[in-house]
């Protein structure tokens, strides 16, 4: 039961994250913004737009495959990469200013770590239940 909830949470979290990042890249292209910047990510401008597009497309593919029971290892790699980007962005850039921001950052990071556990549970699913 808990593993099924973690799997569902992981797929939902990354599906929404990827769609949001894809929408940000698309809006950046629509307005032809060369000064687009997200402080917690290591890119800016056109590089950020392309990175958001490529990463969100990869994430959607990995999430879709994991949701159908295929290529769980790809989804695990994706979830670990997202945790790394979130962790780097929140702590290396000192994105938080006060205790409220630190608490929100910790919740975001813990939420992303929980998706890694969900990805691991996708890998551990019994072979008979996989498609």
C-alpha atoms as a PDB file:
ATOM      1  CA  UNK A   1       0.000   0.000   0.000  1.00  0.00           C
ATOM      2  CA  UNK A   2       2.728   2.486   0.980  1.00  0.00           C
ATOM      3  CA  UNK A   3       4.788   1.515  -2.061  1.00  0.00           C
ATOM      4  CA  UNK A   4       1.808   2.092  -4.346  1.00  0.00           C
ATOM      5  CA  UNK A   5       1.287   5.545  -2.809  1.00  0.00           C
ATOM      6  CA  UNK A   6       4.981   6.375  -3.257  1.00  0.00           C
ATOM      7  CA  UNK A   7       4.879   5.226  -6.889  1.00  0.00           C
ATOM      8  CA  UNK A   8       1.788   7.319  -7.589  1.00  0.00           C
ATOM      9  CA  UNK A   9       3.242  10.338  -5.792  1.00  0.00           C
ATOM     10  CA  UNK A  10       6.506  10.028  -7.733  1.00  0.00           C
ATOM     11  CA  UNK A  11       4.794   9.863 -11.103  1.00  0.00           C
ATOM     12  CA  UNK A  12       2.471  12.751 -10.234  1.00  0.00           C
ATOM     13  CA  UNK A  13       5.271  14.940  -8.804  1.00  0.00           C
ATOM     14  CA  UNK A  14       7.511  14.505 -11.825  1.00  0.00           C
ATOM     15  CA  UNK A  15       4.684  14.758 -14.328  1.00  0.00           C
ATOM     16  CA  UNK A  16       3.620  18.122 -12.899  1.00  0.00           C
ATOM     17  CA  UNK A  17       7.230  19.302 -12.564  1.00  0.00           C
ATOM     18  CA  UNK A  18       8.033  18.442 -16.179  1.00  0.00           C
ATOM     19  CA  UNK A  19       4.869  20.052 -17.531  1.00  0.00           C
ATOM     20  CA  UNK A  20       5.606  23.206 -15.521  1.00  0.00           C
ATOM     21  CA  UNK A  21       9.204  23.364 -16.807  1.00  0.00           C
ATOM     22  CA  UNK A  22       8.043  22.727 -20.361  1.00  0.00           C
ATOM     23  CA  UNK A  23       5.501  25.570 -20.056  1.00  0.00           C
ATOM     24  CA  UNK A  24       8.199  27.927 -18.742  1.00  0.00           C
ATOM     25  CA  UNK A  25      10.472  27.101 -21.668  1.00  0.00           C
ATOM     26  CA  UNK A  26       7.602  27.546 -24.123  1.00  0.00           C
ATOM     27  CA  UNK A  27       6.636  30.942 -22.685  1.00  0.00           C
ATOM     28  CA  UNK A  28      10.282  32.003 -22.807  1.00  0.00           C
ATOM     29  CA  UNK A  29      10.380  31.137 -26.506  1.00  0.00           C
ATOM     30  CA  UNK A  30       7.070  32.890 -27.200  1.00  0.00           C
ATOM     31  CA  UNK A  31       8.262  36.189 -25.760  1.00  0.00           C
ATOM     32  CA  UNK A  32      11.777  35.727 -27.183  1.00  0.00           C
ATOM     33  CA  UNK A  33      13.309  36.353 -23.795  1.00  0.00           C
ATOM     34  CA  UNK A  34      17.093  36.304 -23.698  1.00  0.00           C
ATOM     35  CA  UNK A  35      17.236  37.393 -20.065  1.00  0.00           C
ATOM     36  CA  UNK A  36      15.212  34.529 -18.576  1.00  0.00           C
ATOM     37  CA  UNK A  37      16.705  33.460 -15.261  1.00  0.00           C
ATOM     38  CA  UNK A  38      15.827  31.080 -12.451  1.00  0.00           C
ATOM     39  CA  UNK A  39      18.215  31.582  -9.564  1.00  0.00           C
ATOM     40  CA  UNK A  40      18.231  27.962  -8.410  1.00  0.00           C
ATOM     41  CA  UNK A  41      19.246  26.613 -11.834  1.00  0.00           C
ATOM     42  CA  UNK A  42      22.781  26.944 -13.243  1.00  0.00           C
ATOM     43  CA  UNK A  43      21.662  28.340 -16.629  1.00  0.00           C
ATOM     44  CA  UNK A  44      20.215  31.599 -17.923  1.00  0.00           C
ATOM     45  CA  UNK A  45      18.855  33.053 -21.158  1.00  0.00           C
ATOM     46  CA  UNK A  46      18.602  30.774 -24.190  1.00  0.00           C
ATOM     47  CA  UNK A  47      20.639  28.120 -22.414  1.00  0.00           C
ATOM     48  CA  UNK A  48      17.995  27.972 -19.669  1.00  0.00           C
ATOM     49  CA  UNK A  49      15.153  27.705 -22.175  1.00  0.00           C
ATOM     50  CA  UNK A  50      16.797  24.854 -24.055  1.00  0.00           C
ATOM     51  CA  UNK A  51      17.787  23.108 -20.829  1.00  0.00           C
ATOM     52  CA  UNK A  52      14.233  23.348 -19.491  1.00  0.00           C
ATOM     53  CA  UNK A  53      12.839  22.023 -22.759  1.00  0.00           C
ATOM     54  CA  UNK A  54      15.272  19.102 -23.086  1.00  0.00           C
ATOM     55  CA  UNK A  55      15.121  18.141 -19.411  1.00  0.00           C
ATOM     56  CA  UNK A  56      11.335  18.355 -19.266  1.00  0.00           C
ATOM     57  CA  UNK A  57      10.996  16.251 -22.429  1.00  0.00           C
ATOM     58  CA  UNK A  58      13.392  13.653 -20.986  1.00  0.00           C
ATOM     59  CA  UNK A  59      11.533  13.740 -17.663  1.00  0.00           C
ATOM     60  CA  UNK A  60       8.146  13.287 -19.318  1.00  0.00           C
ATOM     61  CA  UNK A  61       9.435  10.313 -21.300  1.00  0.00           C
ATOM     62  CA  UNK A  62      11.030   8.746 -18.208  1.00  0.00           C
ATOM     63  CA  UNK A  63       7.900   9.376 -16.141  1.00  0.00           C
ATOM     64  CA  UNK A  64       5.598   8.007 -18.829  1.00  0.00           C
ATOM     65  CA  UNK A  65       7.667   4.874 -19.239  1.00  0.00           C
ATOM     66  CA  UNK A  66       7.793   4.345 -15.475  1.00  0.00           C
ATOM     67  CA  UNK A  67       4.037   4.850 -15.180  1.00  0.00           C
ATOM     68  CA  UNK A  68       3.511   2.045 -17.704  1.00  0.00           C
ATOM     69  CA  UNK A  69       5.956  -0.242 -15.900  1.00  0.00           C
ATOM     70  CA  UNK A  70       8.853   0.079 -18.347  1.00  0.00           C
ATOM     71  CA  UNK A  71      12.360   1.487 -17.922  1.00  0.00           C
ATOM     72  CA  UNK A  72      12.189   2.052 -14.169  1.00  0.00           C
ATOM     73  CA  UNK A  73      15.946   2.571 -14.058  1.00  0.00           C
ATOM     74  CA  UNK A  74      15.576   5.608 -16.332  1.00  0.00           C
ATOM     75  CA  UNK A  75      12.998   7.065 -13.953  1.00  0.00           C
ATOM     76  CA  UNK A  76      15.273   6.390 -10.988  1.00  0.00           C
ATOM     77  CA  UNK A  77      18.124   8.225 -12.726  1.00  0.00           C
ATOM     78  CA  UNK A  78      15.765  11.114 -13.483  1.00  0.00           C
ATOM     79  CA  UNK A  79      14.559  11.386  -9.868  1.00  0.00           C
ATOM     80  CA  UNK A  80      18.123  11.359  -8.533  1.00  0.00           C
ATOM     81  CA  UNK A  81      19.109  14.083 -11.035  1.00  0.00           C
ATOM     82  CA  UNK A  82      16.154  16.224  -9.930  1.00  0.00           C
ATOM     83  CA  UNK A  83      17.112  15.820  -6.260  1.00  0.00           C
ATOM     84  CA  UNK A  84      20.662  16.849  -7.183  1.00  0.00           C
ATOM     85  CA  UNK A  85      19.494  19.949  -9.069  1.00  0.00           C
ATOM     86  CA  UNK A  86      17.103  20.951  -6.297  1.00  0.00           C
ATOM     87  CA  UNK A  87      19.730  20.388  -3.602  1.00  0.00           C
ATOM     88  CA  UNK A  88      22.387  22.281  -5.530  1.00  0.00           C
ATOM     89  CA  UNK A  89      20.027  25.105  -6.304  1.00  0.00           C
ATOM     90  CA  UNK A  90      18.693  25.539  -2.802  1.00  0.00           C
ATOM     91  CA  UNK A  91      21.889  25.216  -0.841  1.00  0.00           C
ATOM     92  CA  UNK A  92      24.727  26.196  -3.163  1.00  0.00           C
ATOM     93  CA  UNK A  93      22.988  29.445  -4.084  1.00  0.00           C
ATOM     94  CA  UNK A  94      21.638  30.111  -0.560  1.00  0.00           C
ATOM     95  CA  UNK A  95      18.193  30.643  -2.036  1.00  0.00           C
ATOM     96  CA  UNK A  96      16.507  30.857   1.368  1.00  0.00           C
ATOM     97  CA  UNK A  97      16.522  34.094   3.397  1.00  0.00           C
ATOM     98  CA  UNK A  98      14.858  33.179   6.661  1.00  0.00           C
ATOM     99  CA  UNK A  99      13.436  30.276   8.633  1.00  0.00           C
ATOM    100  CA  UNK A 100      10.242  30.146   6.529  1.00  0.00           C
ATOM    101  CA  UNK A 101      12.215  29.906   3.288  1.00  0.00           C
ATOM    102  CA  UNK A 102      14.498  27.277   4.798  1.00  0.00           C
ATOM    103  CA  UNK A 103      11.492  25.234   5.913  1.00  0.00           C
ATOM    104  CA  UNK A 104       9.891  25.446   2.465  1.00  0.00           C
ATOM    105  CA  UNK A 105      13.210  24.447   0.877  1.00  0.00           C
ATOM    106  CA  UNK A 106      13.511  21.450   3.190  1.00  0.00           C
ATOM    107  CA  UNK A 107       9.954  20.346   2.385  1.00  0.00           C
ATOM    108  CA  UNK A 108      10.650  20.629  -1.351  1.00  0.00           C
ATOM    109  CA  UNK A 109      13.848  18.621  -1.013  1.00  0.00           C
ATOM    110  CA  UNK A 110      12.188  15.982   1.181  1.00  0.00           C
ATOM    111  CA  UNK A 111       9.342  15.741  -1.319  1.00  0.00           C
ATOM    112  CA  UNK A 112      11.845  15.140  -4.101  1.00  0.00           C
ATOM    113  CA  UNK A 113      13.714  12.540  -2.014  1.00  0.00           C
ATOM    114  CA  UNK A 114      10.407  10.725  -1.472  1.00  0.00           C
ATOM    115  CA  UNK A 115      10.098  10.447  -5.259  1.00  0.00           C
ATOM    116  CA  UNK A 116      13.421   8.603  -5.320  1.00  0.00           C
ATOM    117  CA  UNK A 117      11.938   6.084  -2.893  1.00  0.00           C
ATOM    118  CA  UNK A 118       8.937   5.769  -5.197  1.00  0.00           C
ATOM    119  CA  UNK A 119      11.251   5.181  -8.166  1.00  0.00           C
ATOM    120  CA  UNK A 120      13.072   2.477  -6.211  1.00  0.00           C
ATOM    121  CA  UNK A 121       9.737   0.819  -5.450  1.00  0.00           C
ATOM    122  CA  UNK A 122       8.962   0.814  -9.187  1.00  0.00           C
ATOM    123  CA  UNK A 123      12.189  -1.138  -9.732  1.00  0.00           C
ATOM    124  CA  UNK A 124      11.336  -3.589  -6.964  1.00  0.00           C
ATOM    125  CA  UNK A 125       7.883  -4.389  -8.318  1.00  0.00           C
ATOM    126  CA  UNK A 126       7.542  -8.150  -8.807  1.00  0.00           C
ATOM    127  CA  UNK A 127       8.277  -9.283 -12.366  1.00  0.00           C
ATOM    128  CA  UNK A 128       4.823 -10.881 -12.700  1.00  0.00           C
ATOM    129  CA  UNK A 129       3.136  -7.510 -12.230  1.00  0.00           C
ATOM    130  CA  UNK A 130       5.318  -5.670 -14.734  1.00  0.00           C
ATOM    131  CA  UNK A 131       4.040  -5.234 -18.244  1.00  0.00           C
END
